[in-house]
PDB file of N, CA and C in Angstrom:
ATOM      1  N   UNK A   1     -12.160 -12.070  -8.401  1.00  0.00           N
ATOM      2  CA  UNK A   1     -11.427 -11.294  -8.345  1.00  0.00           C
ATOM      3  C   UNK A   1     -12.789  -9.592  -7.118  1.00  0.00           C
ATOM      4  N   UNK A   2     -11.904  -9.282  -6.623  1.00  0.00           N
ATOM      5  CA  UNK A   2     -12.413  -7.839  -6.068  1.00  0.00           C
ATOM      6  C   UNK A   2     -11.866  -6.777  -7.697  1.00  0.00           C
ATOM      7  N   UNK A   3     -12.681  -6.050  -7.753  1.00  0.00           N
ATOM      8  CA  UNK A   3     -12.614  -4.836  -8.467  1.00  0.00           C
ATOM      9  C   UNK A   3     -11.462  -4.788  -7.456  1.00  0.00           C
ATOM     10  N   UNK A   4     -10.823  -4.585  -7.267  1.00  0.00           N
ATOM     11  CA  UNK A   4      -9.643  -4.362  -6.540  1.00  0.00           C
ATOM     12  C   UNK A   4      -8.303  -4.189  -6.768  1.00  0.00           C
ATOM     13  N   UNK A   5      -8.694  -6.150  -6.551  1.00  0.00           N
ATOM     14  CA  UNK A   5      -7.631  -6.787  -7.934  1.00  0.00           C
ATOM     15  C   UNK A   5      -6.931  -6.441  -8.911  1.00  0.00           C
ATOM     16  N   UNK A   6      -8.128  -5.715  -9.661  1.00  0.00           N
ATOM     17  CA  UNK A   6      -7.655  -5.105 -10.839  1.00  0.00           C
ATOM     18  C   UNK A   6      -5.712  -4.034 -10.434  1.00  0.00           C
ATOM     19  N   UNK A   7      -6.468  -2.978  -9.955  1.00  0.00           N
ATOM     20  CA  UNK A   7      -5.296  -2.046  -9.687  1.00  0.00           C
ATOM     21  C   UNK A   7      -4.259  -2.607  -9.001  1.00  0.00           C
ATOM     22  N   UNK A   8      -4.187  -3.794  -8.211  1.00  0.00           N
ATOM     23  CA  UNK A   8      -2.812  -4.678  -7.665  1.00  0.00           C
ATOM     24  C   UNK A   8      -2.424  -5.227  -8.358  1.00  0.00           C
ATOM     25  N   UNK A   9      -3.350  -6.084  -9.872  1.00  0.00           N
ATOM     26  CA  UNK A   9      -2.781  -6.472 -10.708  1.00  0.00           C
ATOM     27  C   UNK A   9      -1.952  -5.788 -11.961  1.00  0.00           C
ATOM     28  N   UNK A  10      -2.398  -4.508 -12.475  1.00  0.00           N
ATOM     29  CA  UNK A  10      -1.732  -3.851 -12.325  1.00  0.00           C
ATOM     30  C   UNK A  10      -0.694  -2.764 -12.133  1.00  0.00           C
ATOM     31  N   UNK A  11      -0.423  -2.890 -10.967  1.00  0.00           N
ATOM     32  CA  UNK A  11       0.485  -3.162  -9.662  1.00  0.00           C
ATOM     33  C   UNK A  11       1.695  -3.860 -10.433  1.00  0.00           C
ATOM     34  N   UNK A  12       1.937  -4.964 -10.367  1.00  0.00           N
ATOM     35  CA  UNK A  12       2.269  -5.925 -10.650  1.00  0.00           C
ATOM     36  C   UNK A  12       2.936  -6.144 -11.712  1.00  0.00           C
ATOM     37  N   UNK A  13       1.858  -6.376 -12.519  1.00  0.00           N
ATOM     38  CA  UNK A  13       2.713  -5.971 -13.797  1.00  0.00           C
ATOM     39  C   UNK A  13       3.584  -5.115 -14.266  1.00  0.00           C
ATOM     40  N   UNK A  14       2.902  -3.751 -14.069  1.00  0.00           N
ATOM     41  CA  UNK A  14       3.846  -2.820 -14.028  1.00  0.00           C
ATOM     42  C   UNK A  14       5.408  -2.412 -13.211  1.00  0.00           C
ATOM     43  N   UNK A  15       5.090  -2.733 -12.175  1.00  0.00           N
ATOM     44  CA  UNK A  15       6.481  -1.828 -11.709  1.00  0.00           C
ATOM     45  C   UNK A  15       6.930  -3.666 -10.237  1.00  0.00           C
ATOM     46  N   UNK A  16       6.203  -4.520 -11.014  1.00  0.00           N
ATOM     47  CA  UNK A  16       6.360  -6.184 -10.253  1.00  0.00           C
ATOM     48  C   UNK A  16       8.046  -6.686 -10.258  1.00  0.00           C
ATOM     49  N   UNK A  17       8.563  -5.701 -10.921  1.00  0.00           N
ATOM     50  CA  UNK A  17      10.512  -6.547 -10.988  1.00  0.00           C
ATOM     51  C   UNK A  17      10.995  -5.707 -10.119  1.00  0.00           C
ATOM     52  N   UNK A  18      10.220  -4.234 -10.039  1.00  0.00           N
ATOM     53  CA  UNK A  18      11.534  -3.561  -8.906  1.00  0.00           C
ATOM     54  C   UNK A  18      11.111  -3.714  -7.677  1.00  0.00           C
ATOM     55  N   UNK A  19      12.210  -3.383  -6.908  1.00  0.00           N
ATOM     56  CA  UNK A  19      13.155  -3.526  -5.242  1.00  0.00           C
ATOM     57  C   UNK A  19      12.394  -2.205  -5.031  1.00  0.00           C
ATOM     58  N   UNK A  20      11.697  -2.088  -3.636  1.00  0.00           N
ATOM     59  CA  UNK A  20      11.534  -0.638  -3.527  1.00  0.00           C
ATOM     60  C   UNK A  20      11.557  -0.744  -1.495  1.00  0.00           C
ATOM     61  N   UNK A  21      11.529   1.162  -1.082  1.00  0.00           N
ATOM     62  CA  UNK A  21      12.317   0.900   0.374  1.00  0.00           C
ATOM     63  C   UNK A  21      10.958   0.933   0.926  1.00  0.00           C
ATOM     64  N   UNK A  22      10.857   0.540   2.669  1.00  0.00           N
ATOM     65  CA  UNK A  22       9.512   0.914   2.821  1.00  0.00           C
ATOM     66  C   UNK A  22       9.051   2.418   3.302  1.00  0.00           C
ATOM     67  N   UNK A  23      10.356   3.329   3.465  1.00  0.00           N
ATOM     68  CA  UNK A  23      10.276   4.817   3.567  1.00  0.00           C
ATOM     69  C   UNK A  23      10.282   4.946   2.169  1.00  0.00           C
ATOM     70  N   UNK A  24      10.116   4.771   0.803  1.00  0.00           N
ATOM     71  CA  UNK A  24       9.317   4.836  -0.043  1.00  0.00           C
ATOM     72  C   UNK A  24       7.741   4.619  -0.195  1.00  0.00           C
ATOM     73  N   UNK A  25       7.614   3.842   0.291  1.00  0.00           N
ATOM     74  CA  UNK A  25       6.589   3.703   0.481  1.00  0.00           C
ATOM     75  C   UNK A  25       5.238   4.118   0.930  1.00  0.00           C
ATOM     76  N   UNK A  26       5.829   4.685   2.362  1.00  0.00           N
ATOM     77  CA  UNK A  26       5.538   5.833   2.947  1.00  0.00           C
ATOM     78  C   UNK A  26       5.089   6.289   2.423  1.00  0.00           C
ATOM     79  N   UNK A  27       6.572   7.230   1.988  1.00  0.00           N
ATOM     80  CA  UNK A  27       6.192   8.654   1.071  1.00  0.00           C
ATOM     81  C   UNK A  27       5.011   8.616  -0.436  1.00  0.00           C
ATOM     82  N   UNK A  28       4.936   7.382  -1.039  1.00  0.00           N
ATOM     83  CA  UNK A  28       3.758   7.509  -1.444  1.00  0.00           C
ATOM     84  C   UNK A  28       2.539   7.272  -1.085  1.00  0.00           C
ATOM     85  N   UNK A  29       2.313   6.692  -0.139  1.00  0.00           N
ATOM     86  CA  UNK A  29       1.063   6.390   1.322  1.00  0.00           C
ATOM     87  C   UNK A  29       1.598   8.076   1.447  1.00  0.00           C
ATOM     88  N   UNK A  30       2.193   8.660   1.432  1.00  0.00           N
ATOM     89  CA  UNK A  30       1.216  10.390   2.542  1.00  0.00           C
ATOM     90  C   UNK A  30       0.972  10.444   0.576  1.00  0.00           C
ATOM     91  N   UNK A  31       1.563  11.080  -0.152  1.00  0.00           N
ATOM     92  CA  UNK A  31       1.559  11.583  -1.626  1.00  0.00           C
ATOM     93  C   UNK A  31       0.102  10.779  -1.715  1.00  0.00           C
ATOM     94  N   UNK A  32      -0.631   9.752  -1.449  1.00  0.00           N
ATOM     95  CA  UNK A  32      -1.846   9.161  -1.919  1.00  0.00           C
ATOM     96  C   UNK A  32      -3.017   9.703  -1.072  1.00  0.00           C
ATOM     97  N   UNK A  33      -2.596  10.117   0.332  1.00  0.00           N
ATOM     98  CA  UNK A  33      -3.579  11.165   0.931  1.00  0.00           C
ATOM     99  C   UNK A  33      -3.495  12.188   0.676  1.00  0.00           C
ATOM    100  N   UNK A  34      -2.220  13.355   0.512  1.00  0.00           N
ATOM    101  CA  UNK A  34      -2.495  13.760   0.263  1.00  0.00           C
ATOM    102  C   UNK A  34      -3.465  14.585  -0.941  1.00  0.00           C
ATOM    103  N   UNK A  35      -4.179  14.032  -2.244  1.00  0.00           N
ATOM    104  CA  UNK A  35      -4.470  14.160  -3.210  1.00  0.00           C
ATOM    105  C   UNK A  35      -5.669  13.280  -2.693  1.00  0.00           C
ATOM    106  N   UNK A  36      -5.973  12.814  -1.980  1.00  0.00           N
ATOM    107  CA  UNK A  36      -6.928  11.399  -1.831  1.00  0.00           C
ATOM    108  C   UNK A  36      -7.155  11.815  -0.399  1.00  0.00           C
ATOM    109  N   UNK A  37      -7.394  12.702   0.177  1.00  0.00           N
ATOM    110  CA  UNK A  37      -7.834  12.862   1.732  1.00  0.00           C
ATOM    111  C   UNK A  37      -8.944  11.780   1.864  1.00  0.00           C
ATOM    112  N   UNK A  38     -10.042  11.940   1.106  1.00  0.00           N
ATOM    113  CA  UNK A  38     -11.382  10.996   1.628  1.00  0.00           C
ATOM    114  C   UNK A  38     -10.470   9.009   1.675  1.00  0.00           C
ATOM    115  N   UNK A  39      -9.177   8.689   1.812  1.00  0.00           N
ATOM    116  CA  UNK A  39      -9.044   8.038   1.532  1.00  0.00           C
ATOM    117  C   UNK A  39      -7.519   7.338   2.757  1.00  0.00           C
ATOM    118  N   UNK A  40      -7.939   8.931   3.632  1.00  0.00           N
ATOM    119  CA  UNK A  40      -6.838   8.019   4.590  1.00  0.00           C
ATOM    120  C   UNK A  40      -7.314   7.504   5.254  1.00  0.00           C
ATOM    121  N   UNK A  41      -8.523   6.982   6.365  1.00  0.00           N
ATOM    122  CA  UNK A  41      -8.476   6.111   6.424  1.00  0.00           C
ATOM    123  C   UNK A  41      -8.224   4.633   6.381  1.00  0.00           C
ATOM    124  N   UNK A  42      -8.590   4.440   4.777  1.00  0.00           N
ATOM    125  CA  UNK A  42      -8.136   3.556   4.464  1.00  0.00           C
ATOM    126  C   UNK A  42      -6.345   3.508   4.422  1.00  0.00           C
ATOM    127  N   UNK A  43      -5.188   3.776   4.096  1.00  0.00           N
ATOM    128  CA  UNK A  43      -4.592   3.923   3.428  1.00  0.00           C
ATOM    129  C   UNK A  43      -3.644   4.102   5.141  1.00  0.00           C
ATOM    130  N   UNK A  44      -4.369   4.534   6.169  1.00  0.00           N
ATOM    131  CA  UNK A  44      -4.003   4.015   7.312  1.00  0.00           C
ATOM    132  C   UNK A  44      -3.905   2.817   8.071  1.00  0.00           C
ATOM    133  N   UNK A  45      -5.474   1.963   7.662  1.00  0.00           N
ATOM    134  CA  UNK A  45      -5.780   1.127   8.387  1.00  0.00           C
ATOM    135  C   UNK A  45      -4.557  -0.073   7.070  1.00  0.00           C
ATOM    136  N   UNK A  46      -4.094   0.206   5.998  1.00  0.00           N
ATOM    137  CA  UNK A  46      -3.011  -0.802   4.742  1.00  0.00           C
ATOM    138  C   UNK A  46      -1.912  -0.197   6.005  1.00  0.00           C
ATOM    139  N   UNK A  47      -1.334   0.868   5.762  1.00  0.00           N
ATOM    140  CA  UNK A  47       0.324   0.898   6.646  1.00  0.00           C
ATOM    141  C   UNK A  47       0.038   0.462   8.105  1.00  0.00           C
ATOM    142  N   UNK A  48      -0.985   0.185   8.368  1.00  0.00           N
ATOM    143  CA  UNK A  48      -0.804  -0.571  10.107  1.00  0.00           C
ATOM    144  C   UNK A  48      -1.022  -2.200   9.761  1.00  0.00           C
ATOM    145  N   UNK A  49      -1.499  -2.273   8.817  1.00  0.00           N
ATOM    146  CA  UNK A  49      -1.607  -3.510   8.099  1.00  0.00           C
ATOM    147  C   UNK A  49      -0.097  -3.956   8.305  1.00  0.00           C
ATOM    148  N   UNK A  50       0.542  -3.620   7.187  1.00  0.00           N
ATOM    149  CA  UNK A  50       1.510  -3.431   6.930  1.00  0.00           C
ATOM    150  C   UNK A  50       2.648  -3.718   8.486  1.00  0.00           C
ATOM    151  N   UNK A  51       2.620  -2.787   8.891  1.00  0.00           N
ATOM    152  CA  UNK A  51       3.416  -2.692  10.179  1.00  0.00           C
ATOM    153  C   UNK A  51       3.727  -4.205  10.643  1.00  0.00           C
ATOM    154  N   UNK A  52       2.080  -4.290  11.086  1.00  0.00           N
ATOM    155  CA  UNK A  52       1.935  -5.172  12.186  1.00  0.00           C
ATOM    156  C   UNK A  52       1.833  -6.602  11.845  1.00  0.00           C
ATOM    157  N   UNK A  53       2.428  -7.044  10.094  1.00  0.00           N
ATOM    158  CA  UNK A  53       2.059  -8.277   9.607  1.00  0.00           C
ATOM    159  C   UNK A  53       3.280  -9.259  10.239  1.00  0.00           C
ATOM    160  N   UNK A  54       3.989  -8.992  10.382  1.00  0.00           N
ATOM    161  CA  UNK A  54       4.713 -10.230  11.784  1.00  0.00           C
ATOM    162  C   UNK A  54       4.431 -10.400  13.096  1.00  0.00           C
ATOM    163  N   UNK A  55       3.739 -10.148  13.545  1.00  0.00           N
ATOM    164  CA  UNK A  55       3.042  -9.465  14.725  1.00  0.00           C
ATOM    165  C   UNK A  55       2.662 -11.228  14.928  1.00  0.00           C
ATOM    166  N   UNK A  56       2.334 -11.855  14.296  1.00  0.00           N
ATOM    167  CA  UNK A  56       1.373 -13.472  14.097  1.00  0.00           C
ATOM    168  C   UNK A  56       2.076 -14.433  14.439  1.00  0.00           C
ATOM    169  N   UNK A  57       3.321 -14.303  14.340  1.00  0.00           N
ATOM    170  CA  UNK A  57       4.552 -15.143  14.621  1.00  0.00           C
ATOM    171  C   UNK A  57       5.089 -14.940  15.821  1.00  0.00           C
ATOM    172  N   UNK A  58       4.974 -14.263  16.323  1.00  0.00           N
ATOM    173  CA  UNK A  58       5.681 -14.522  17.874  1.00  0.00           C
ATOM    174  C   UNK A  58       4.621 -15.275  19.102  1.00  0.00           C
TER     175      UNK A  58
END
């Protein structure tokens, strides 16, 4: 298990039953980067990963 898996597991435990929009997720990513500008690169890579996730199906 990676260290980051703990945060992912907490997210799933606390909010795993919720349904959210991609607009909500984008807003939360922007808020995260506002608070943690040093992690903007990781947030950008994550957003790009999600945006292009279906590219492999083509």
